[in-house]
Amino acid sequence: MTDVQILATGLGFPEGPVVMPDGSVILTEIRNARCSRVTPDGKVSLYSAAGGGPNGLAVGPDGALYLCNNGGSRYVEGV
């Protein structure tokens, strides 16, 4: 088994990670109702205050980032 490396701590139930071209990871934080960016050096920043219960991300063929949200019921473009 490969060694496991912790990239960031303090996240609220992280899920749905997507690796971006710059090496950062965008993920949902279900407990904190937001999407966060984790840089390769472990810095965590707010990417989007999604609200509801964000629980998955995917990059579409158009290059846009799509969020699955179990609640919140809103559409945000250009985040």
PDB file of N, CA and C in Angstrom:
ATOM      1  N   MET A   1       0.832  -1.187   0.000  1.00  0.00           N
ATOM      2  CA  MET A   1       0.000   0.000   0.000  1.00  0.00           C
ATOM      3  C   MET A   1       0.876   1.250   0.000  1.00  0.00           C
ATOM      4  N   THR A   2       0.445   2.262  -0.714  1.00  0.00           N
ATOM      5  CA  THR A   2       1.163   3.529  -0.803  1.00  0.00           C
ATOM      6  C   THR A   2       0.961   4.336   0.470  1.00  0.00           C
ATOM      7  N   ASP A   3       1.969   5.105   0.855  1.00  0.00           N
ATOM      8  CA  ASP A   3       1.830   5.979   2.019  1.00  0.00           C
ATOM      9  C   ASP A   3       0.731   6.999   1.781  1.00  0.00           C
ATOM     10  N   VAL A   4      -0.032   7.273   2.820  1.00  0.00           N
ATOM     11  CA  VAL A   4      -1.107   8.258   2.753  1.00  0.00           C
ATOM     12  C   VAL A   4      -0.572   9.591   3.259  1.00  0.00           C
ATOM     13  N   GLN A   5      -0.890  10.665   2.554  1.00  0.00           N
ATOM     14  CA  GLN A   5      -0.448  12.000   2.945  1.00  0.00           C
ATOM     15  C   GLN A   5      -1.667  12.870   3.189  1.00  0.00           C
ATOM     16  N   ILE A   6      -1.708  13.540   4.339  1.00  0.00           N
ATOM     17  CA  ILE A   6      -2.793  14.470   4.650  1.00  0.00           C
ATOM     18  C   ILE A   6      -2.479  15.805   3.994  1.00  0.00           C
ATOM     19  N   LEU A   7      -3.399  16.277   3.146  1.00  0.00           N
ATOM     20  CA  LEU A   7      -3.195  17.541   2.438  1.00  0.00           C
ATOM     21  C   LEU A   7      -3.766  18.726   3.193  1.00  0.00           C
ATOM     22  N   ALA A   8      -4.866  18.511   3.942  1.00  0.00           N
ATOM     23  CA  ALA A   8      -5.515  19.608   4.662  1.00  0.00           C
ATOM     24  C   ALA A   8      -6.306  19.032   5.827  1.00  0.00           C
ATOM     25  N   THR A   9      -6.501  19.836   6.852  1.00  0.00           N
ATOM     26  CA  THR A   9      -7.309  19.439   8.004  1.00  0.00           C
ATOM     27  C   THR A   9      -8.375  20.498   8.250  1.00  0.00           C
ATOM     28  N   GLY A  10      -9.351  20.160   9.088  1.00  0.00           N
ATOM     29  CA  GLY A  10     -10.377  21.123   9.463  1.00  0.00           C
ATOM     30  C   GLY A  10     -11.531  21.238   8.487  1.00  0.00           C
ATOM     31  N   LEU A  11     -11.608  20.351   7.505  1.00  0.00           N
ATOM     32  CA  LEU A  11     -12.698  20.392   6.532  1.00  0.00           C
ATOM     33  C   LEU A  11     -13.948  19.748   7.131  1.00  0.00           C
ATOM     34  N   GLY A  12     -15.126  20.229   6.732  1.00  0.00           N
ATOM     35  CA  GLY A  12     -16.394  19.737   7.257  1.00  0.00           C
ATOM     36  C   GLY A  12     -17.031  18.692   6.370  1.00  0.00           C
ATOM     37  N   PHE A  13     -16.640  17.422   6.536  1.00  0.00           N
ATOM     38  CA  PHE A  13     -17.157  16.292   5.765  1.00  0.00           C
ATOM     39  C   PHE A  13     -16.894  16.504   4.274  1.00  0.00           C
ATOM     40  N   PRO A  14     -15.617  16.503   3.858  1.00  0.00           N
ATOM     41  CA  PRO A  14     -15.268  16.735   2.455  1.00  0.00           C
ATOM     42  C   PRO A  14     -15.709  15.585   1.553  1.00  0.00           C
ATOM     43  N   GLU A  15     -16.132  15.939   0.353  1.00  0.00           N
ATOM     44  CA  GLU A  15     -16.594  14.950  -0.617  1.00  0.00           C
ATOM     45  C   GLU A  15     -16.467  15.536  -2.022  1.00  0.00           C
ATOM     46  N   GLY A  16     -16.472  14.674  -3.023  1.00  0.00           N
ATOM     47  CA  GLY A  16     -16.521  15.089  -4.421  1.00  0.00           C
ATOM     48  C   GLY A  16     -15.313  15.848  -4.912  1.00  0.00           C
ATOM     49  N   PRO A  17     -14.088  15.413  -4.581  1.00  0.00           N
ATOM     50  CA  PRO A  17     -12.923  16.184  -5.011  1.00  0.00           C
ATOM     51  C   PRO A  17     -12.728  16.176  -6.526  1.00  0.00           C
ATOM     52  N   VAL A  18     -12.330  17.332  -7.045  1.00  0.00           N
ATOM     53  CA  VAL A  18     -12.000  17.486  -8.463  1.00  0.00           C
ATOM     54  C   VAL A  18     -10.637  18.166  -8.539  1.00  0.00           C
ATOM     55  N   VAL A  19      -9.698  17.551  -9.247  1.00  0.00           N
ATOM     56  CA  VAL A  19      -8.366  18.132  -9.408  1.00  0.00           C
ATOM     57  C   VAL A  19      -8.404  19.115 -10.570  1.00  0.00           C
ATOM     58  N   MET A  20      -7.932  20.330 -10.308  1.00  0.00           N
ATOM     59  CA  MET A  20      -7.927  21.387 -11.304  1.00  0.00           C
ATOM     60  C   MET A  20      -6.579  21.416 -12.033  1.00  0.00           C
ATOM     61  N   PRO A  21      -6.520  22.065 -13.206  1.00  0.00           N
ATOM     62  CA  PRO A  21      -5.271  22.111 -13.979  1.00  0.00           C
ATOM     63  C   PRO A  21      -4.074  22.690 -13.216  1.00  0.00           C
ATOM     64  N   ASP A  22      -4.337  23.586 -12.247  1.00  0.00           N
ATOM     65  CA  ASP A  22      -3.236  24.185 -11.486  1.00  0.00           C
ATOM     66  C   ASP A  22      -2.756  23.301 -10.339  1.00  0.00           C
ATOM     67  N   GLY A  23      -3.345  22.098 -10.194  1.00  0.00           N
ATOM     68  CA  GLY A  23      -2.942  21.180  -9.137  1.00  0.00           C
ATOM     69  C   GLY A  23      -3.743  21.322  -7.860  1.00  0.00           C
ATOM     70  N   SER A  24      -4.584  22.338  -7.781  1.00  0.00           N
ATOM     71  CA  SER A  24      -5.432  22.481  -6.599  1.00  0.00           C
ATOM     72  C   SER A  24      -6.598  21.502  -6.694  1.00  0.00           C
ATOM     73  N   VAL A  25      -7.267  21.297  -5.578  1.00  0.00           N
ATOM     74  CA  VAL A  25      -8.422  20.411  -5.520  1.00  0.00           C
ATOM     75  C   VAL A  25      -9.617  21.225  -5.037  1.00  0.00           C
ATOM     76  N   ILE A  26     -10.716  21.169  -5.784  1.00  0.00           N
ATOM     77  CA  ILE A  26     -11.972  21.771  -5.350  1.00  0.00           C
ATOM     78  C   ILE A  26     -12.801  20.626  -4.779  1.00  0.00           C
ATOM     79  N   LEU A  27     -13.400  20.837  -3.615  1.00  0.00           N
ATOM     80  CA  LEU A  27     -14.217  19.805  -2.992  1.00  0.00           C
ATOM     81  C   LEU A  27     -15.406  20.430  -2.286  1.00  0.00           C
ATOM     82  N   THR A  28     -16.416  19.621  -2.042  1.00  0.00           N
ATOM     83  CA  THR A  28     -17.559  20.099  -1.275  1.00  0.00           C
ATOM     84  C   THR A  28     -17.312  19.812   0.196  1.00  0.00           C
ATOM     85  N   GLU A  29     -17.859  20.672   1.042  1.00  0.00           N
ATOM     86  CA  GLU A  29     -17.872  20.434   2.482  1.00  0.00           C
ATOM     87  C   GLU A  29     -19.340  20.375   2.891  1.00  0.00           C
ATOM     88  N   ILE A  30     -19.846  19.159   3.043  1.00  0.00           N
ATOM     89  CA  ILE A  30     -21.260  18.983   3.335  1.00  0.00           C
ATOM     90  C   ILE A  30     -21.639  19.692   4.633  1.00  0.00           C
ATOM     91  N   ARG A  31     -20.893  19.473   5.695  1.00  0.00           N
ATOM     92  CA  ARG A  31     -21.213  20.052   7.000  1.00  0.00           C
ATOM     93  C   ARG A  31     -21.158  21.580   6.993  1.00  0.00           C
ATOM     94  N   ASN A  32     -20.270  22.157   6.196  1.00  0.00           N
ATOM     95  CA  ASN A  32     -20.111  23.615   6.170  1.00  0.00           C
ATOM     96  C   ASN A  32     -20.866  24.285   5.029  1.00  0.00           C
ATOM     97  N   ALA A  33     -21.595  23.504   4.225  1.00  0.00           N
ATOM     98  CA  ALA A  33     -22.431  24.026   3.127  1.00  0.00           C
ATOM     99  C   ALA A  33     -21.658  24.924   2.168  1.00  0.00           C
ATOM    100  N   ARG A  34     -20.472  24.459   1.765  1.00  0.00           N
ATOM    101  CA  ARG A  34     -19.652  25.263   0.855  1.00  0.00           C
ATOM    102  C   ARG A  34     -18.745  24.379   0.013  1.00  0.00           C
ATOM    103  N   CYS A  35     -18.123  25.010  -0.971  1.00  0.00           N
ATOM    104  CA  CYS A  35     -17.067  24.381  -1.755  1.00  0.00           C
ATOM    105  C   CYS A  35     -15.766  25.080  -1.391  1.00  0.00           C
ATOM    106  N   SER A  36     -14.723  24.303  -1.238  1.00  0.00           N
ATOM    107  CA  SER A  36     -13.425  24.856  -0.870  1.00  0.00           C
ATOM    108  C   SER A  36     -12.369  24.444  -1.879  1.00  0.00           C
ATOM    109  N   ARG A  37     -11.320  25.254  -1.942  1.00  0.00           N
ATOM    110  CA  ARG A  37     -10.152  24.943  -2.774  1.00  0.00           C
ATOM    111  C   ARG A  37      -8.997  24.617  -1.829  1.00  0.00           C
ATOM    112  N   VAL A  38      -8.320  23.511  -2.113  1.00  0.00           N
ATOM    113  CA  VAL A  38      -7.122  23.137  -1.371  1.00  0.00           C
ATOM    114  C   VAL A  38      -5.960  23.190  -2.351  1.00  0.00           C
ATOM    115  N   THR A  39      -4.988  24.040  -2.069  1.00  0.00           N
ATOM    116  CA  THR A  39      -3.824  24.180  -2.943  1.00  0.00           C
ATOM    117  C   THR A  39      -2.825  23.055  -2.664  1.00  0.00           C
ATOM    118  N   PRO A  40      -1.889  22.818  -3.568  1.00  0.00           N
ATOM    119  CA  PRO A  40      -0.914  21.748  -3.355  1.00  0.00           C
ATOM    120  C   PRO A  40      -0.125  21.878  -2.052  1.00  0.00           C
ATOM    121  N   ASP A  41       0.013  23.114  -1.540  1.00  0.00           N
ATOM    122  CA  ASP A  41       0.732  23.290  -0.275  1.00  0.00           C
ATOM    123  C   ASP A  41      -0.186  23.195   0.946  1.00  0.00           C
ATOM    124  N   GLY A  42      -1.473  22.834   0.742  1.00  0.00           N
ATOM    125  CA  GLY A  42      -2.393  22.598   1.849  1.00  0.00           C
ATOM    126  C   GLY A  42      -3.221  23.777   2.301  1.00  0.00           C
ATOM    127  N   LYS A  43      -3.101  24.921   1.630  1.00  0.00           N
ATOM    128  CA  LYS A  43      -3.891  26.088   2.007  1.00  0.00           C
ATOM    129  C   LYS A  43      -5.344  25.880   1.570  1.00  0.00           C
ATOM    130  N   VAL A  44      -6.285  26.118   2.495  1.00  0.00           N
ATOM    131  CA  VAL A  44      -7.713  25.956   2.214  1.00  0.00           C
ATOM    132  C   VAL A  44      -8.356  27.332   2.107  1.00  0.00           C
ATOM    133  N   SER A  45      -9.156  27.538   1.054  1.00  0.00           N
ATOM    134  CA  SER A  45      -9.878  28.803   0.898  1.00  0.00           C
ATOM    135  C   SER A  45     -11.290  28.528   0.392  1.00  0.00           C
ATOM    136  N   LEU A  46     -12.180  29.469   0.642  1.00  0.00           N
ATOM    137  CA  LEU A  46     -13.557  29.363   0.176  1.00  0.00           C
ATOM    138  C   LEU A  46     -13.589  29.504  -1.339  1.00  0.00           C
ATOM    139  N   TYR A  47     -14.251  28.585  -2.007  1.00  0.00           N
ATOM    140  CA  TYR A  47     -14.436  28.665  -3.451  1.00  0.00           C
ATOM    141  C   TYR A  47     -15.834  29.170  -3.767  1.00  0.00           C
ATOM    142  N   SER A  48     -16.841  28.652  -3.040  1.00  0.00           N
ATOM    143  CA  SER A  48     -18.224  29.060  -3.242  1.00  0.00           C
ATOM    144  C   SER A  48     -19.038  28.727  -1.999  1.00  0.00           C
ATOM    145  N   ALA A  49     -19.863  29.674  -1.560  1.00  0.00           N
ATOM    146  CA  ALA A  49     -20.798  29.424  -0.465  1.00  0.00           C
ATOM    147  C   ALA A  49     -22.052  28.815  -1.079  1.00  0.00           C
ATOM    148  N   ALA A  50     -22.053  27.501  -1.226  1.00  0.00           N
ATOM    149  CA  ALA A  50     -23.094  26.807  -1.973  1.00  0.00           C
ATOM    150  C   ALA A  50     -24.432  26.773  -1.248  1.00  0.00           C
ATOM    151  N   GLY A  51     -24.420  26.723   0.077  1.00  0.00           N
ATOM    152  CA  GLY A  51     -25.652  26.551   0.830  1.00  0.00           C
ATOM    153  C   GLY A  51     -26.183  25.144   0.666  1.00  0.00           C
ATOM    154  N   GLY A  52     -27.254  24.824   1.374  1.00  0.00           N
ATOM    155  CA  GLY A  52     -27.857  23.496   1.266  1.00  0.00           C
ATOM    156  C   GLY A  52     -26.923  22.415   1.757  1.00  0.00           C
ATOM    157  N   GLY A  53     -26.809  21.349   0.998  1.00  0.00           N
ATOM    158  CA  GLY A  53     -25.945  20.228   1.344  1.00  0.00           C
ATOM    159  C   GLY A  53     -25.133  19.776   0.154  1.00  0.00           C
ATOM    160  N   PRO A  54     -24.121  20.549  -0.244  1.00  0.00           N
ATOM    161  CA  PRO A  54     -23.329  20.183  -1.415  1.00  0.00           C
ATOM    162  C   PRO A  54     -22.621  18.849  -1.193  1.00  0.00           C
ATOM    163  N   ASN A  55     -22.757  17.930  -2.142  1.00  0.00           N
ATOM    164  CA  ASN A  55     -22.168  16.608  -1.925  1.00  0.00           C
ATOM    165  C   ASN A  55     -21.557  15.971  -3.165  1.00  0.00           C
ATOM    166  N   GLY A  56     -21.158  16.741  -4.120  1.00  0.00           N
ATOM    167  CA  GLY A  56     -20.479  16.172  -5.278  1.00  0.00           C
ATOM    168  C   GLY A  56     -20.146  17.229  -6.304  1.00  0.00           C
ATOM    169  N   LEU A  57     -19.059  17.018  -7.019  1.00  0.00           N
ATOM    170  CA  LEU A  57     -18.609  17.935  -8.066  1.00  0.00           C
ATOM    171  C   LEU A  57     -18.168  17.131  -9.284  1.00  0.00           C
ATOM    172  N   ALA A  58     -18.267  17.757 -10.431  1.00  0.00           N
ATOM    173  CA  ALA A  58     -17.752  17.162 -11.668  1.00  0.00           C
ATOM    174  C   ALA A  58     -17.432  18.283 -12.641  1.00  0.00           C
ATOM    175  N   VAL A  59     -16.464  18.048 -13.510  1.00  0.00           N
ATOM    176  CA  VAL A  59     -16.144  18.985 -14.579  1.00  0.00           C
ATOM    177  C   VAL A  59     -16.841  18.478 -15.838  1.00  0.00           C
ATOM    178  N   GLY A  60     -17.639  19.341 -16.452  1.00  0.00           N
ATOM    179  CA  GLY A  60     -18.371  18.975 -17.658  1.00  0.00           C
ATOM    180  C   GLY A  60     -17.511  19.099 -18.896  1.00  0.00           C
ATOM    181  N   PRO A  61     -18.011  18.623 -20.034  1.00  0.00           N
ATOM    182  CA  PRO A  61     -17.267  18.697 -21.290  1.00  0.00           C
ATOM    183  C   PRO A  61     -17.000  20.136 -21.730  1.00  0.00           C
ATOM    184  N   ASP A  62     -17.776  21.073 -21.178  1.00  0.00           N
ATOM    185  CA  ASP A  62     -17.574  22.488 -21.484  1.00  0.00           C
ATOM    186  C   ASP A  62     -16.541  23.139 -20.570  1.00  0.00           C
ATOM    187  N   GLY A  63     -15.974  22.355 -19.635  1.00  0.00           N
ATOM    188  CA  GLY A  63     -14.976  22.869 -18.707  1.00  0.00           C
ATOM    189  C   GLY A  63     -15.564  23.497 -17.461  1.00  0.00           C
ATOM    190  N   ALA A  64     -16.885  23.599 -17.394  1.00  0.00           N
ATOM    191  CA  ALA A  64     -17.546  24.177 -16.217  1.00  0.00           C
ATOM    192  C   ALA A  64     -17.552  23.165 -15.076  1.00  0.00           C
ATOM    193  N   LEU A  65     -17.548  23.681 -13.866  1.00  0.00           N
ATOM    194  CA  LEU A  65     -17.619  22.853 -12.670  1.00  0.00           C
ATOM    195  C   LEU A  65     -19.079  22.753 -12.247  1.00  0.00           C
ATOM    196  N   TYR A  66     -19.589  21.535 -12.124  1.00  0.00           N
ATOM    197  CA  TYR A  66     -20.985  21.304 -11.761  1.00  0.00           C
ATOM    198  C   TYR A  66     -21.066  20.745 -10.349  1.00  0.00           C
ATOM    199  N   LEU A  67     -22.009  21.278  -9.573  1.00  0.00           N
ATOM    200  CA  LEU A  67     -22.189  20.915  -8.173  1.00  0.00           C
ATOM    201  C   LEU A  67     -23.500  20.170  -7.982  1.00  0.00           C
ATOM    202  N   CYS A  68     -23.449  19.054  -7.279  1.00  0.00           N
ATOM    203  CA  CYS A  68     -24.654  18.347  -6.858  1.00  0.00           C
ATOM    204  C   CYS A  68     -24.967  18.844  -5.449  1.00  0.00           C
ATOM    205  N   ASN A  69     -26.179  19.354  -5.244  1.00  0.00           N
ATOM    206  CA  ASN A  69     -26.536  19.954  -3.964  1.00  0.00           C
ATOM    207  C   ASN A  69     -27.839  19.348  -3.458  1.00  0.00           C
ATOM    208  N   ASN A  70     -27.777  18.700  -2.317  1.00  0.00           N
ATOM    209  CA  ASN A  70     -28.941  18.094  -1.692  1.00  0.00           C
ATOM    210  C   ASN A  70     -29.642  19.150  -0.832  1.00  0.00           C
ATOM    211  N   GLY A  71     -30.232  20.120  -1.500  1.00  0.00           N
ATOM    212  CA  GLY A  71     -30.880  21.232  -0.809  1.00  0.00           C
ATOM    213  C   GLY A  71     -30.312  22.535  -1.322  1.00  0.00           C
ATOM    214  N   GLY A  72     -30.926  23.607  -0.981  1.00  0.00           N
ATOM    215  CA  GLY A  72     -30.434  24.908  -1.419  1.00  0.00           C
ATOM    216  C   GLY A  72     -31.195  25.450  -2.600  1.00  0.00           C
ATOM    217  N   SER A  73     -31.491  24.607  -3.571  1.00  0.00           N
ATOM    218  CA  SER A  73     -32.328  24.940  -4.730  1.00  0.00           C
ATOM    219  C   SER A  73     -32.023  26.287  -5.367  1.00  0.00           C
ATOM    220  N   ARG A  74     -30.811  26.458  -5.837  1.00  0.00           N
ATOM    221  CA  ARG A  74     -30.487  27.676  -6.577  1.00  0.00           C
ATOM    222  C   ARG A  74     -29.483  27.344  -7.667  1.00  0.00           C
ATOM    223  N   TYR A  75     -29.446  28.204  -8.666  1.00  0.00           N
ATOM    224  CA  TYR A  75     -28.547  28.034  -9.797  1.00  0.00           C
ATOM    225  C   TYR A  75     -27.547  29.176  -9.769  1.00  0.00           C
ATOM    226  N   VAL A  76     -26.279  28.847  -9.816  1.00  0.00           N
ATOM    227  CA  VAL A  76     -25.234  29.864  -9.812  1.00  0.00           C
ATOM    228  C   VAL A  76     -24.368  29.637 -11.037  1.00  0.00           C
ATOM    229  N   GLU A  77     -24.175  30.674 -11.831  1.00  0.00           N
ATOM    230  CA  GLU A  77     -23.360  30.558 -13.033  1.00  0.00           C
ATOM    231  C   GLU A  77     -22.123  31.423 -12.892  1.00  0.00           C
ATOM    232  N   GLY A  78     -21.021  30.924 -13.391  1.00  0.00           N
ATOM    233  CA  GLY A  78     -19.805  31.722 -13.443  1.00  0.00           C
ATOM    234  C   GLY A  78     -19.045  31.817 -12.146  1.00  0.00           C
ATOM    235  N   VAL A  79     -19.228  30.849 -11.267  1.00  0.00           N
ATOM    236  CA  VAL A  79     -18.504  30.871  -9.994  1.00  0.00           C
ATOM    237  C   VAL A  79     -17.097  30.405 -10.217  1.00  0.00           C
TER     238      VAL A  79
END
